[in-house]
């Protein structure tokens, strides 16, 4: 993700934040500082649904903050499919074929959808790998 990552506790109950209608109660938030081709494009804030999938949220948050001594910091988005997904965070192999066809919703973008759209607009290879490092 070529990014700085972090996490913070969410304040308040599940309410719409800006124009975003929440799918579940946000219990904590994480963020990615995103670069494309070495240029900073912005921050994506993700609200996490800790009451729906607590273990998944705890694991994701720990990977964002590096609490366990390793995590997403410096990882890239290695697969981008416009209007569907941006996939990254495989800090061991830089690919995740075992995730293909599997999806778990454990959070929602609260801020930075413009950054997500910028990532989606990147030119990719036939295998959906972005041509510029993201």
N, C-alpha and C. Protein backbone atom coordinates (compact mmCIF):
# COMPACT_ATOMS: atom_id res chain seq x y z
N UNK A 1 0.81 -1.16 0.00
CA UNK A 1 0.00 0.00 0.00
C UNK A 1 0.86 1.24 0.00
N UNK A 2 2.15 1.06 0.12
CA UNK A 2 3.05 2.19 0.18
C UNK A 2 2.44 3.24 1.07
N UNK A 3 2.17 2.86 2.30
CA UNK A 3 1.37 3.76 3.12
C UNK A 3 1.77 3.72 4.58
N UNK A 4 1.35 4.76 5.28
CA UNK A 4 1.47 4.84 6.72
C UNK A 4 0.13 4.37 7.25
N UNK A 5 0.15 3.51 8.23
CA UNK A 5 -1.09 2.92 8.72
C UNK A 5 -1.29 3.24 10.19
N UNK A 6 -2.53 3.23 10.61
CA UNK A 6 -2.80 3.46 12.02
C UNK A 6 -4.21 3.06 12.36
N UNK A 7 -4.53 3.15 13.65
CA UNK A 7 -5.88 2.80 14.10
C UNK A 7 -6.26 3.72 15.24
N UNK A 8 -7.56 3.91 15.41
CA UNK A 8 -8.08 4.72 16.50
C UNK A 8 -9.43 4.16 16.91
N UNK A 9 -9.80 4.33 18.15
CA UNK A 9 -11.12 3.91 18.60
C UNK A 9 -12.16 4.87 18.04
N UNK A 10 -13.26 4.32 17.58
CA UNK A 10 -14.36 5.14 17.07
C UNK A 10 -15.13 5.70 18.25
N UNK A 11 -15.68 6.88 18.09
CA UNK A 11 -16.50 7.49 19.12
C UNK A 11 -17.95 7.48 18.66
N UNK A 12 -18.86 7.12 19.55
CA UNK A 12 -20.28 7.19 19.24
C UNK A 12 -20.82 5.92 18.63
N UNK A 13 -22.11 5.93 18.36
CA UNK A 13 -22.81 4.77 17.81
C UNK A 13 -22.77 4.78 16.29
N UNK A 14 -23.37 3.77 15.71
CA UNK A 14 -23.41 3.65 14.25
C UNK A 14 -24.39 4.66 13.68
N UNK A 15 -23.86 5.70 13.11
CA UNK A 15 -24.67 6.72 12.45
C UNK A 15 -24.04 7.01 11.10
N UNK A 16 -24.81 7.57 10.22
CA UNK A 16 -24.26 7.93 8.92
C UNK A 16 -23.17 8.97 9.13
N UNK A 17 -22.04 8.78 8.48
CA UNK A 17 -20.93 9.71 8.58
C UNK A 17 -20.79 10.39 7.22
N UNK A 18 -21.10 11.68 7.16
CA UNK A 18 -21.11 12.37 5.88
C UNK A 18 -22.19 11.77 5.02
N UNK A 19 -21.83 11.38 3.81
CA UNK A 19 -22.79 10.77 2.89
C UNK A 19 -22.77 9.25 2.96
N UNK A 20 -22.02 8.69 3.91
CA UNK A 20 -21.85 7.25 4.01
C UNK A 20 -22.89 6.67 4.96
N UNK A 21 -23.75 5.78 4.45
CA UNK A 21 -24.68 5.07 5.32
C UNK A 21 -23.99 3.78 5.78
N UNK A 22 -23.85 3.64 7.08
CA UNK A 22 -23.09 2.51 7.63
C UNK A 22 -23.90 1.22 7.56
N UNK A 23 -23.19 0.13 7.28
CA UNK A 23 -23.82 -1.19 7.20
C UNK A 23 -23.93 -1.86 8.56
N UNK A 24 -23.11 -1.42 9.52
CA UNK A 24 -23.12 -1.98 10.87
C UNK A 24 -22.44 -0.95 11.78
N UNK A 25 -22.45 -1.21 13.07
CA UNK A 25 -21.82 -0.30 14.04
C UNK A 25 -20.30 -0.33 13.88
N UNK A 26 -19.72 0.85 13.76
CA UNK A 26 -18.26 0.98 13.67
C UNK A 26 -17.72 1.03 15.09
N UNK A 27 -16.84 0.09 15.42
CA UNK A 27 -16.26 0.02 16.75
C UNK A 27 -14.84 0.56 16.81
N UNK A 28 -14.17 0.60 15.70
CA UNK A 28 -12.83 1.19 15.61
C UNK A 28 -12.58 1.61 14.17
N UNK A 29 -11.54 2.40 13.98
CA UNK A 29 -11.19 2.87 12.64
C UNK A 29 -9.70 2.63 12.39
N UNK A 30 -9.37 2.36 11.15
CA UNK A 30 -7.99 2.27 10.70
C UNK A 30 -7.85 3.15 9.46
N UNK A 31 -6.62 3.48 9.11
CA UNK A 31 -6.43 4.28 7.91
C UNK A 31 -5.20 3.83 7.14
N UNK A 32 -5.24 4.10 5.84
CA UNK A 32 -4.10 3.88 4.95
C UNK A 32 -3.74 5.21 4.32
N UNK A 33 -2.47 5.60 4.39
CA UNK A 33 -1.96 6.73 3.63
C UNK A 33 -1.46 6.13 2.33
N UNK A 34 -2.05 6.50 1.21
CA UNK A 34 -1.82 5.82 -0.06
C UNK A 34 -0.94 6.66 -0.98
N UNK A 35 -0.01 5.98 -1.66
CA UNK A 35 0.82 6.58 -2.70
C UNK A 35 0.61 5.82 -3.99
N UNK A 36 0.68 6.55 -5.10
CA UNK A 36 0.66 5.93 -6.43
C UNK A 36 1.88 6.44 -7.17
N UNK A 37 2.73 5.53 -7.61
CA UNK A 37 3.94 5.92 -8.31
C UNK A 37 4.84 6.80 -7.47
N UNK A 38 4.84 6.61 -6.16
CA UNK A 38 5.67 7.39 -5.26
C UNK A 38 5.09 8.73 -4.84
N UNK A 39 3.92 9.09 -5.36
CA UNK A 39 3.26 10.35 -5.02
C UNK A 39 2.10 10.10 -4.06
N UNK A 40 2.06 10.87 -2.97
CA UNK A 40 0.96 10.72 -2.01
C UNK A 40 -0.34 11.20 -2.65
N UNK A 41 -1.39 10.35 -2.55
CA UNK A 41 -2.69 10.73 -3.10
C UNK A 41 -3.75 10.94 -2.03
N UNK A 42 -3.50 10.48 -0.81
CA UNK A 42 -4.45 10.73 0.26
C UNK A 42 -4.61 9.60 1.23
N UNK A 43 -5.59 9.76 2.11
CA UNK A 43 -5.84 8.81 3.18
C UNK A 43 -7.20 8.16 2.99
N UNK A 44 -7.25 6.85 3.26
CA UNK A 44 -8.51 6.09 3.27
C UNK A 44 -8.76 5.66 4.71
N UNK A 45 -9.89 6.08 5.26
CA UNK A 45 -10.28 5.72 6.62
C UNK A 45 -11.33 4.63 6.53
N UNK A 46 -11.09 3.53 7.23
CA UNK A 46 -12.00 2.39 7.21
C UNK A 46 -12.59 2.21 8.60
N UNK A 47 -13.93 2.19 8.67
CA UNK A 47 -14.63 1.88 9.91
C UNK A 47 -14.78 0.37 10.01
N UNK A 48 -14.45 -0.18 11.17
CA UNK A 48 -14.45 -1.64 11.35
C UNK A 48 -15.65 -2.08 12.19
N UNK A 49 -16.24 -3.21 11.80
CA UNK A 49 -17.45 -3.75 12.42
C UNK A 49 -17.10 -4.80 13.47
N UNK A 50 -16.59 -4.34 14.62
CA UNK A 50 -16.10 -5.24 15.66
C UNK A 50 -17.15 -6.09 16.35
N UNK A 51 -18.40 -5.67 16.31
CA UNK A 51 -19.44 -6.48 16.93
C UNK A 51 -19.92 -7.59 15.99
N UNK A 52 -19.69 -7.42 14.69
CA UNK A 52 -20.13 -8.41 13.70
C UNK A 52 -19.08 -9.51 13.54
N UNK A 53 -17.84 -9.11 13.38
CA UNK A 53 -16.74 -10.07 13.17
C UNK A 53 -15.54 -9.64 14.04
N UNK A 54 -15.63 -9.84 15.34
CA UNK A 54 -14.61 -9.31 16.26
C UNK A 54 -13.19 -9.82 16.02
N UNK A 55 -13.02 -11.10 15.76
CA UNK A 55 -11.67 -11.63 15.56
C UNK A 55 -11.04 -11.09 14.28
N UNK A 56 -11.82 -11.02 13.21
CA UNK A 56 -11.32 -10.48 11.95
C UNK A 56 -10.91 -9.02 12.13
N UNK A 57 -11.74 -8.24 12.81
CA UNK A 57 -11.45 -6.83 13.05
C UNK A 57 -10.20 -6.69 13.91
N UNK A 58 -10.07 -7.48 14.96
CA UNK A 58 -8.88 -7.42 15.81
C UNK A 58 -7.61 -7.73 15.02
N UNK A 59 -7.68 -8.75 14.18
CA UNK A 59 -6.52 -9.12 13.36
C UNK A 59 -6.18 -8.01 12.36
N UNK A 60 -7.18 -7.47 11.68
CA UNK A 60 -6.95 -6.40 10.70
C UNK A 60 -6.36 -5.17 11.38
N UNK A 61 -6.94 -4.78 12.51
CA UNK A 61 -6.44 -3.61 13.24
C UNK A 61 -4.99 -3.80 13.67
N UNK A 62 -4.66 -4.99 14.16
CA UNK A 62 -3.28 -5.27 14.58
C UNK A 62 -2.32 -5.21 13.39
N UNK A 63 -2.76 -5.66 12.22
CA UNK A 63 -1.92 -5.57 11.02
C UNK A 63 -1.76 -4.13 10.56
N UNK A 64 -2.77 -3.31 10.77
CA UNK A 64 -2.68 -1.89 10.41
C UNK A 64 -1.73 -1.14 11.32
N UNK A 65 -1.76 -1.44 12.59
CA UNK A 65 -0.93 -0.71 13.55
C UNK A 65 0.46 -1.32 13.72
N UNK A 66 0.64 -2.56 13.29
CA UNK A 66 1.92 -3.23 13.48
C UNK A 66 2.14 -3.68 14.92
N UNK A 67 1.06 -3.79 15.69
CA UNK A 67 1.14 -4.16 17.11
C UNK A 67 1.92 -5.44 17.37
N UNK A 68 1.90 -6.36 16.42
CA UNK A 68 2.56 -7.65 16.62
C UNK A 68 3.97 -7.69 16.02
N UNK A 69 4.45 -6.51 15.59
CA UNK A 69 5.80 -6.43 15.02
C UNK A 69 5.84 -6.60 13.51
N UNK A 70 4.71 -6.79 12.90
CA UNK A 70 4.62 -6.90 11.45
C UNK A 70 3.23 -6.43 11.03
N UNK A 71 3.08 -6.18 9.73
CA UNK A 71 1.78 -5.74 9.27
C UNK A 71 1.82 -5.18 7.87
N UNK A 72 0.84 -4.35 7.57
CA UNK A 72 0.63 -3.85 6.21
C UNK A 72 1.57 -2.73 5.80
N UNK A 73 2.26 -2.09 6.71
CA UNK A 73 3.10 -0.95 6.37
C UNK A 73 4.07 -1.30 5.25
N UNK A 74 4.03 -0.49 4.20
CA UNK A 74 4.91 -0.69 3.06
C UNK A 74 4.40 -1.67 2.02
N UNK A 75 3.27 -2.32 2.29
CA UNK A 75 2.69 -3.26 1.32
C UNK A 75 2.06 -2.49 0.17
N UNK A 76 1.91 -3.19 -0.94
CA UNK A 76 1.30 -2.56 -2.10
C UNK A 76 -0.09 -3.15 -2.35
N UNK A 77 -0.86 -2.42 -3.16
CA UNK A 77 -2.10 -2.97 -3.70
C UNK A 77 -1.66 -3.71 -4.96
N UNK A 78 -1.80 -5.02 -4.96
CA UNK A 78 -1.25 -5.82 -6.07
C UNK A 78 -2.33 -6.28 -7.05
N UNK A 79 -3.59 -5.96 -6.76
CA UNK A 79 -4.66 -6.34 -7.68
C UNK A 79 -5.77 -5.29 -7.59
N UNK A 80 -6.15 -4.74 -8.73
CA UNK A 80 -7.18 -3.70 -8.78
C UNK A 80 -8.17 -4.06 -9.87
N UNK A 81 -9.44 -4.16 -9.50
CA UNK A 81 -10.51 -4.40 -10.47
C UNK A 81 -11.49 -3.24 -10.31
N UNK A 82 -11.54 -2.39 -11.33
CA UNK A 82 -12.37 -1.18 -11.29
C UNK A 82 -13.82 -1.51 -10.92
N UNK A 83 -14.39 -0.68 -10.06
CA UNK A 83 -15.76 -0.79 -9.58
C UNK A 83 -16.04 -2.08 -8.81
N UNK A 84 -14.98 -2.76 -8.36
CA UNK A 84 -15.18 -3.99 -7.60
C UNK A 84 -14.29 -4.04 -6.36
N UNK A 85 -12.96 -3.96 -6.54
CA UNK A 85 -12.10 -4.11 -5.36
C UNK A 85 -10.69 -3.61 -5.64
N UNK A 86 -10.02 -3.29 -4.54
CA UNK A 86 -8.57 -3.11 -4.55
C UNK A 86 -8.05 -4.09 -3.51
N UNK A 87 -7.06 -4.86 -3.88
CA UNK A 87 -6.58 -5.94 -3.02
C UNK A 87 -5.11 -5.71 -2.72
N UNK A 88 -4.77 -5.80 -1.47
CA UNK A 88 -3.38 -5.62 -1.07
C UNK A 88 -3.16 -6.19 0.31
N UNK A 89 -1.97 -5.94 0.83
CA UNK A 89 -1.68 -6.33 2.19
C UNK A 89 -1.05 -7.69 2.36
N UNK A 90 -0.72 -8.36 1.26
CA UNK A 90 -0.02 -9.63 1.38
C UNK A 90 1.46 -9.31 1.54
N UNK A 91 1.89 -9.15 2.79
CA UNK A 91 3.25 -8.73 3.04
C UNK A 91 4.26 -9.87 2.98
N UNK A 92 3.81 -11.09 2.72
CA UNK A 92 4.73 -12.21 2.57
C UNK A 92 4.97 -12.57 1.11
N UNK A 93 3.93 -12.72 0.32
CA UNK A 93 4.07 -13.19 -1.05
C UNK A 93 3.74 -12.14 -2.11
N UNK A 94 3.12 -11.02 -1.69
CA UNK A 94 2.68 -9.96 -2.59
C UNK A 94 1.66 -10.44 -3.62
N UNK A 95 0.91 -11.46 -3.28
CA UNK A 95 -0.24 -11.91 -4.07
C UNK A 95 -1.15 -12.70 -3.15
N UNK A 96 -2.39 -12.86 -3.50
CA UNK A 96 -3.32 -13.61 -2.61
C UNK A 96 -4.29 -14.44 -3.43
N UNK A 97 -3.78 -15.42 -4.21
CA UNK A 97 -4.71 -16.20 -5.02
C UNK A 97 -5.72 -16.98 -4.17
N UNK A 98 -5.38 -17.32 -2.94
CA UNK A 98 -6.31 -18.08 -2.11
C UNK A 98 -7.51 -17.24 -1.69
N UNK A 99 -7.45 -15.90 -1.85
CA UNK A 99 -8.60 -15.05 -1.54
C UNK A 99 -9.54 -14.88 -2.73
N UNK A 100 -9.09 -15.26 -3.91
CA UNK A 100 -9.93 -15.09 -5.10
C UNK A 100 -11.25 -15.81 -4.90
N UNK A 101 -12.36 -15.10 -5.12
CA UNK A 101 -13.67 -15.70 -4.97
C UNK A 101 -14.20 -15.75 -3.55
N UNK A 102 -13.42 -15.21 -2.59
CA UNK A 102 -13.84 -15.21 -1.19
C UNK A 102 -13.85 -13.77 -0.69
N UNK A 103 -14.90 -13.39 0.00
CA UNK A 103 -15.00 -12.02 0.49
C UNK A 103 -15.61 -12.02 1.88
N UNK A 104 -15.04 -11.22 2.79
CA UNK A 104 -15.59 -11.04 4.12
C UNK A 104 -15.72 -9.54 4.34
N UNK A 105 -16.92 -9.08 4.65
CA UNK A 105 -17.13 -7.67 4.91
C UNK A 105 -16.94 -7.43 6.40
N UNK A 106 -15.88 -6.71 6.75
CA UNK A 106 -15.59 -6.44 8.15
C UNK A 106 -15.44 -4.95 8.41
N UNK A 107 -15.66 -4.14 7.37
CA UNK A 107 -15.56 -2.71 7.54
C UNK A 107 -16.06 -1.99 6.31
N UNK A 108 -15.97 -0.67 6.37
CA UNK A 108 -16.50 0.16 5.30
C UNK A 108 -15.66 1.43 5.19
N UNK A 109 -15.42 1.88 3.98
CA UNK A 109 -14.70 3.14 3.78
C UNK A 109 -15.57 4.28 4.30
N UNK A 110 -15.02 5.05 5.23
CA UNK A 110 -15.73 6.20 5.80
C UNK A 110 -15.28 7.50 5.15
N UNK A 111 -14.00 7.58 4.85
CA UNK A 111 -13.41 8.76 4.23
C UNK A 111 -12.38 8.30 3.20
N UNK A 112 -12.24 9.08 2.15
CA UNK A 112 -11.21 8.78 1.16
C UNK A 112 -11.68 7.95 -0.01
N UNK A 113 -12.98 7.95 -0.27
CA UNK A 113 -13.46 7.19 -1.43
C UNK A 113 -12.86 7.75 -2.72
N UNK A 114 -12.50 9.04 -2.72
CA UNK A 114 -11.82 9.61 -3.88
C UNK A 114 -10.47 8.95 -4.11
N UNK A 115 -9.80 8.55 -3.03
CA UNK A 115 -8.51 7.85 -3.14
C UNK A 115 -8.74 6.45 -3.70
N UNK A 116 -9.80 5.78 -3.23
CA UNK A 116 -10.16 4.46 -3.76
C UNK A 116 -10.42 4.56 -5.26
N UNK A 117 -11.17 5.57 -5.67
CA UNK A 117 -11.49 5.76 -7.10
C UNK A 117 -10.22 6.04 -7.90
N UNK A 118 -9.28 6.79 -7.32
CA UNK A 118 -8.00 7.05 -7.99
C UNK A 118 -7.22 5.74 -8.17
N UNK A 119 -7.23 4.89 -7.16
CA UNK A 119 -6.59 3.57 -7.29
C UNK A 119 -7.27 2.77 -8.39
N UNK A 120 -8.60 2.76 -8.39
CA UNK A 120 -9.35 2.01 -9.41
C UNK A 120 -9.07 2.49 -10.82
N UNK A 121 -8.69 3.75 -10.97
CA UNK A 121 -8.47 4.31 -12.30
C UNK A 121 -7.08 3.98 -12.86
N UNK A 122 -6.26 3.32 -12.07
CA UNK A 122 -4.90 3.01 -12.52
C UNK A 122 -4.92 1.95 -13.62
N UNK A 123 -4.01 2.13 -14.57
CA UNK A 123 -3.86 1.13 -15.64
C UNK A 123 -3.30 -0.15 -15.02
N UNK A 124 -3.87 -1.27 -15.44
CA UNK A 124 -3.45 -2.57 -14.90
C UNK A 124 -3.07 -3.53 -16.03
N UNK A 125 -2.38 -4.59 -15.64
CA UNK A 125 -2.04 -5.65 -16.59
C UNK A 125 -3.25 -6.55 -16.81
N UNK A 126 -3.09 -7.55 -17.64
CA UNK A 126 -4.18 -8.53 -17.86
C UNK A 126 -4.56 -9.26 -16.59
N UNK A 127 -3.61 -9.37 -15.65
CA UNK A 127 -3.88 -10.06 -14.39
C UNK A 127 -4.31 -9.07 -13.29
N UNK A 128 -4.69 -7.85 -13.69
CA UNK A 128 -5.21 -6.82 -12.78
C UNK A 128 -4.16 -6.23 -11.85
N UNK A 129 -2.87 -6.41 -12.17
CA UNK A 129 -1.79 -5.82 -11.38
C UNK A 129 -1.56 -4.39 -11.87
N UNK A 130 -1.55 -3.41 -10.94
CA UNK A 130 -1.33 -2.03 -11.38
C UNK A 130 0.06 -1.85 -12.00
N UNK A 131 0.13 -1.04 -13.08
CA UNK A 131 1.40 -0.80 -13.76
C UNK A 131 2.30 0.10 -12.94
N UNK A 132 1.73 1.07 -12.21
CA UNK A 132 2.50 1.90 -11.28
C UNK A 132 2.39 1.30 -9.90
N UNK A 133 3.46 1.39 -9.11
CA UNK A 133 3.35 0.88 -7.73
C UNK A 133 2.34 1.69 -6.93
N UNK A 134 1.43 0.98 -6.27
CA UNK A 134 0.41 1.64 -5.44
C UNK A 134 0.40 0.97 -4.07
